[in-house]
Amino acid sequence: QVQLVESGGGLVQAGGSLRLSCTASGSIFGLNVMGWYRQAPGKQRDLVAVFTSGGSTNYADSVKGRFTISRGNAKNTVYLQMNSLKPEDTAVYYCKGLKFGREYWGKGTLVTVSS
């Protein structure tokens, strides 16, 4: 069993910052915590920022220059630093992991950006 737990969401004014955390637990051997996706109301789940298989990072165009993905010292933790937040960043943010070809998702953390 693999569990991914996101935290750090909340309500913030436009222009503000939040730092999201994703921590994996359970049977994490072989697990690669890949990164972050988000889903706004009525929309599909989209990539926000991930680590690629080659170890580099990939960001959605809409967040480039504002968001930064990083790993903790323990590889089972991934962070998302979000700066200069905009109302259109409002969404539930999900952490995704991959283990031996199987996807794992957290339950998400809500980020609301007020104008």
C-alpha atoms as a PDB file:
ATOM      1  CA  GLN A   1       0.000   0.000   0.000  1.00  0.00           C
ATOM      2  CA  VAL A   2       1.204   3.454  -0.936  1.00  0.00           C
ATOM      3  CA  GLN A   3      -0.237   6.606   0.521  1.00  0.00           C
ATOM      4  CA  LEU A   4       0.377  10.092  -0.800  1.00  0.00           C
ATOM      5  CA  VAL A   5      -0.720  12.960   1.408  1.00  0.00           C
ATOM      6  CA  GLU A   6      -0.785  16.547   0.248  1.00  0.00           C
ATOM      7  CA  SER A   7      -0.798  19.545   2.565  1.00  0.00           C
ATOM      8  CA  GLY A   8      -0.279  23.292   2.509  1.00  0.00           C
ATOM      9  CA  GLY A   9      -3.303  24.424   0.564  1.00  0.00           C
ATOM     10  CA  GLY A  10      -5.535  27.265   1.664  1.00  0.00           C
ATOM     11  CA  LEU A  11      -6.964  30.652   0.838  1.00  0.00           C
ATOM     12  CA  VAL A  12      -4.582  33.329  -0.360  1.00  0.00           C
ATOM     13  CA  GLN A  13      -4.919  36.687  -2.060  1.00  0.00           C
ATOM     14  CA  ALA A  14      -3.713  37.205  -5.604  1.00  0.00           C
ATOM     15  CA  GLY A  15       0.000  37.863  -5.624  1.00  0.00           C
ATOM     16  CA  GLY A  16       0.557  35.748  -2.539  1.00  0.00           C
ATOM     17  CA  SER A  17       2.477  32.518  -2.042  1.00  0.00           C
ATOM     18  CA  LEU A  18       1.864  29.009  -0.796  1.00  0.00           C
ATOM     19  CA  ARG A  19       4.065  25.962  -0.387  1.00  0.00           C
ATOM     20  CA  LEU A  20       2.520  22.584  -0.947  1.00  0.00           C
ATOM     21  CA  SER A  21       3.991  19.358   0.406  1.00  0.00           C
ATOM     22  CA  CYS A  22       3.468  15.780  -0.674  1.00  0.00           C
ATOM     23  CA  THR A  23       4.666  12.974   1.544  1.00  0.00           C
ATOM     24  CA  ALA A  24       4.616   9.323   0.568  1.00  0.00           C
ATOM     25  CA  SER A  25       4.333   6.549   3.100  1.00  0.00           C
ATOM     26  CA  GLY A  26       3.680   2.842   3.239  1.00  0.00           C
ATOM     27  CA  SER A  27       5.315   0.536   0.741  1.00  0.00           C
ATOM     28  CA  ILE A  28       7.470   3.189  -0.897  1.00  0.00           C
ATOM     29  CA  PHE A  29      10.239   0.944  -2.211  1.00  0.00           C
ATOM     30  CA  GLY A  30      10.425   1.604  -5.934  1.00  0.00           C
ATOM     31  CA  LEU A  31       8.069   4.565  -5.713  1.00  0.00           C
ATOM     32  CA  ASN A  32       8.869   7.676  -7.718  1.00  0.00           C
ATOM     33  CA  VAL A  33       6.945  10.676  -6.476  1.00  0.00           C
ATOM     34  CA  MET A  34       6.658  12.481  -9.752  1.00  0.00           C
ATOM     35  CA  GLY A  35       5.006  15.766  -9.006  1.00  0.00           C
ATOM     36  CA  TRP A  36       1.905  17.877  -9.100  1.00  0.00           C
ATOM     37  CA  TYR A  37      -1.302  18.106 -11.065  1.00  0.00           C
ATOM     38  CA  ARG A  38      -4.352  20.289 -10.513  1.00  0.00           C
ATOM     39  CA  GLN A  39      -8.033  20.213 -11.277  1.00  0.00           C
ATOM     40  CA  ALA A  40     -10.193  23.299 -11.342  1.00  0.00           C
ATOM     41  CA  PRO A  41     -13.978  23.001 -10.988  1.00  0.00           C
ATOM     42  CA  GLY A  42     -15.527  21.637 -14.161  1.00  0.00           C
ATOM     43  CA  LYS A  43     -12.157  21.060 -15.819  1.00  0.00           C
ATOM     44  CA  GLN A  44      -9.849  18.120 -16.410  1.00  0.00           C
ATOM     45  CA  ARG A  45      -6.829  17.345 -14.279  1.00  0.00           C
ATOM     46  CA  ASP A  46      -3.740  18.983 -15.740  1.00  0.00           C
ATOM     47  CA  LEU A  47      -0.018  18.778 -15.167  1.00  0.00           C
ATOM     48  CA  VAL A  48       1.455  21.573 -13.067  1.00  0.00           C
ATOM     49  CA  ALA A  49       5.051  20.527 -12.382  1.00  0.00           C
ATOM     50  CA  VAL A  50       6.776  17.159 -12.462  1.00  0.00           C
ATOM     51  CA  PHE A  51      10.159  15.534 -12.367  1.00  0.00           C
ATOM     52  CA  THR A  52      10.898  13.672 -15.565  1.00  0.00           C
ATOM     53  CA  SER A  53      12.420  10.219 -15.733  1.00  0.00           C
ATOM     54  CA  GLY A  54      15.715  11.873 -16.639  1.00  0.00           C
ATOM     55  CA  GLY A  55      15.695  13.918 -13.464  1.00  0.00           C
ATOM     56  CA  SER A  56      14.840  17.264 -15.007  1.00  0.00           C
ATOM     57  CA  THR A  57      11.645  19.234 -14.416  1.00  0.00           C
ATOM     58  CA  ASN A  58       8.666  20.011 -16.580  1.00  0.00           C
ATOM     59  CA  TYR A  59       6.253  22.869 -15.903  1.00  0.00           C
ATOM     60  CA  ALA A  60       2.955  23.922 -17.387  1.00  0.00           C
ATOM     61  CA  ASP A  61       3.430  27.107 -19.401  1.00  0.00           C
ATOM     62  CA  SER A  62       0.947  28.912 -17.174  1.00  0.00           C
ATOM     63  CA  VAL A  63       3.117  28.447 -14.072  1.00  0.00           C
ATOM     64  CA  LYS A  64       6.629  28.818 -15.474  1.00  0.00           C
ATOM     65  CA  GLY A  65       8.596  31.409 -13.556  1.00  0.00           C
ATOM     66  CA  ARG A  66       6.122  31.372 -10.667  1.00  0.00           C
ATOM     67  CA  PHE A  67       6.107  27.792  -9.377  1.00  0.00           C
ATOM     68  CA  THR A  68       9.067  25.651  -8.350  1.00  0.00           C
ATOM     69  CA  ILE A  69       9.049  21.931  -7.703  1.00  0.00           C
ATOM     70  CA  SER A  70      11.653  20.410  -5.411  1.00  0.00           C
ATOM     71  CA  ARG A  71      12.392  17.260  -3.445  1.00  0.00           C
ATOM     72  CA  GLY A  72      13.039  16.964   0.238  1.00  0.00           C
ATOM     73  CA  ASN A  73      16.127  15.316   1.643  1.00  0.00           C
ATOM     74  CA  ALA A  74      14.051  12.183   1.942  1.00  0.00           C
ATOM     75  CA  LYS A  75      13.035  11.264  -1.584  1.00  0.00           C
ATOM     76  CA  ASN A  76       9.507  10.484  -0.452  1.00  0.00           C
ATOM     77  CA  THR A  77       8.687  14.189  -0.114  1.00  0.00           C
ATOM     78  CA  VAL A  78       8.046  16.647  -2.928  1.00  0.00           C
ATOM     79  CA  TYR A  79       7.272  20.335  -2.594  1.00  0.00           C
ATOM     80  CA  LEU A  80       5.635  22.925  -4.789  1.00  0.00           C
ATOM     81  CA  GLN A  81       6.511  26.531  -4.071  1.00  0.00           C
ATOM     82  CA  MET A  82       3.875  28.751  -5.622  1.00  0.00           C
ATOM     83  CA  ASN A  83       4.536  32.472  -5.924  1.00  0.00           C
ATOM     84  CA  SER A  84       2.657  35.317  -7.573  1.00  0.00           C
ATOM     85  CA  LEU A  85      -0.549  33.329  -7.353  1.00  0.00           C
ATOM     86  CA  LYS A  86      -3.434  34.238  -9.620  1.00  0.00           C
ATOM     87  CA  PRO A  87      -7.168  33.535  -9.305  1.00  0.00           C
ATOM     88  CA  GLU A  88      -6.845  31.107 -12.212  1.00  0.00           C
ATOM     89  CA  ASP A  89      -4.524  28.985 -10.070  1.00  0.00           C
ATOM     90  CA  THR A  90      -7.518  28.070  -7.931  1.00  0.00           C
ATOM     91  CA  ALA A  91      -7.863  24.293  -8.005  1.00  0.00           C
ATOM     92  CA  VAL A  92      -7.412  21.094  -6.079  1.00  0.00           C
ATOM     93  CA  TYR A  93      -3.748  20.159  -6.298  1.00  0.00           C
ATOM     94  CA  TYR A  94      -2.845  16.481  -6.444  1.00  0.00           C
ATOM     95  CA  CYS A  95       0.416  14.652  -5.965  1.00  0.00           C
ATOM     96  CA  LYS A  96       1.178  11.743  -8.275  1.00  0.00           C
ATOM     97  CA  GLY A  97       3.515   8.815  -7.772  1.00  0.00           C
ATOM     98  CA  LEU A  98       4.547   5.973 -10.008  1.00  0.00           C
ATOM     99  CA  LYS A  99       5.654   2.554  -8.865  1.00  0.00           C
ATOM    100  CA  PHE A 100       6.430  -0.273 -11.270  1.00  0.00           C
ATOM    101  CA  GLY A 101       4.063   1.201 -13.833  1.00  0.00           C
ATOM    102  CA  ARG A 102       1.179   1.807 -11.456  1.00  0.00           C
ATOM    103  CA  GLU A 103      -0.045   5.302 -10.684  1.00  0.00           C
ATOM    104  CA  TYR A 104      -0.810   6.529  -7.188  1.00  0.00           C
ATOM    105  CA  TRP A 105      -2.615   9.737  -6.316  1.00  0.00           C
ATOM    106  CA  GLY A 106      -3.205  11.662  -3.136  1.00  0.00           C
ATOM    107  CA  LYS A 107      -6.599  13.027  -2.182  1.00  0.00           C
ATOM    108  CA  GLY A 108      -5.571  16.562  -3.008  1.00  0.00           C
ATOM    109  CA  THR A 109      -5.304  19.901  -1.265  1.00  0.00           C
ATOM    110  CA  LEU A 110      -7.458  22.878  -2.175  1.00  0.00           C
ATOM    111  CA  VAL A 111      -5.839  26.144  -3.210  1.00  0.00           C
ATOM    112  CA  THR A 112      -8.114  29.154  -3.497  1.00  0.00           C
ATOM    113  CA  VAL A 113      -6.758  32.444  -4.790  1.00  0.00           C
ATOM    114  CA  SER A 114      -8.965  35.478  -4.277  1.00  0.00           C
ATOM    115  CA  SER A 115      -8.790  38.540  -6.498  1.00  0.00           C
END
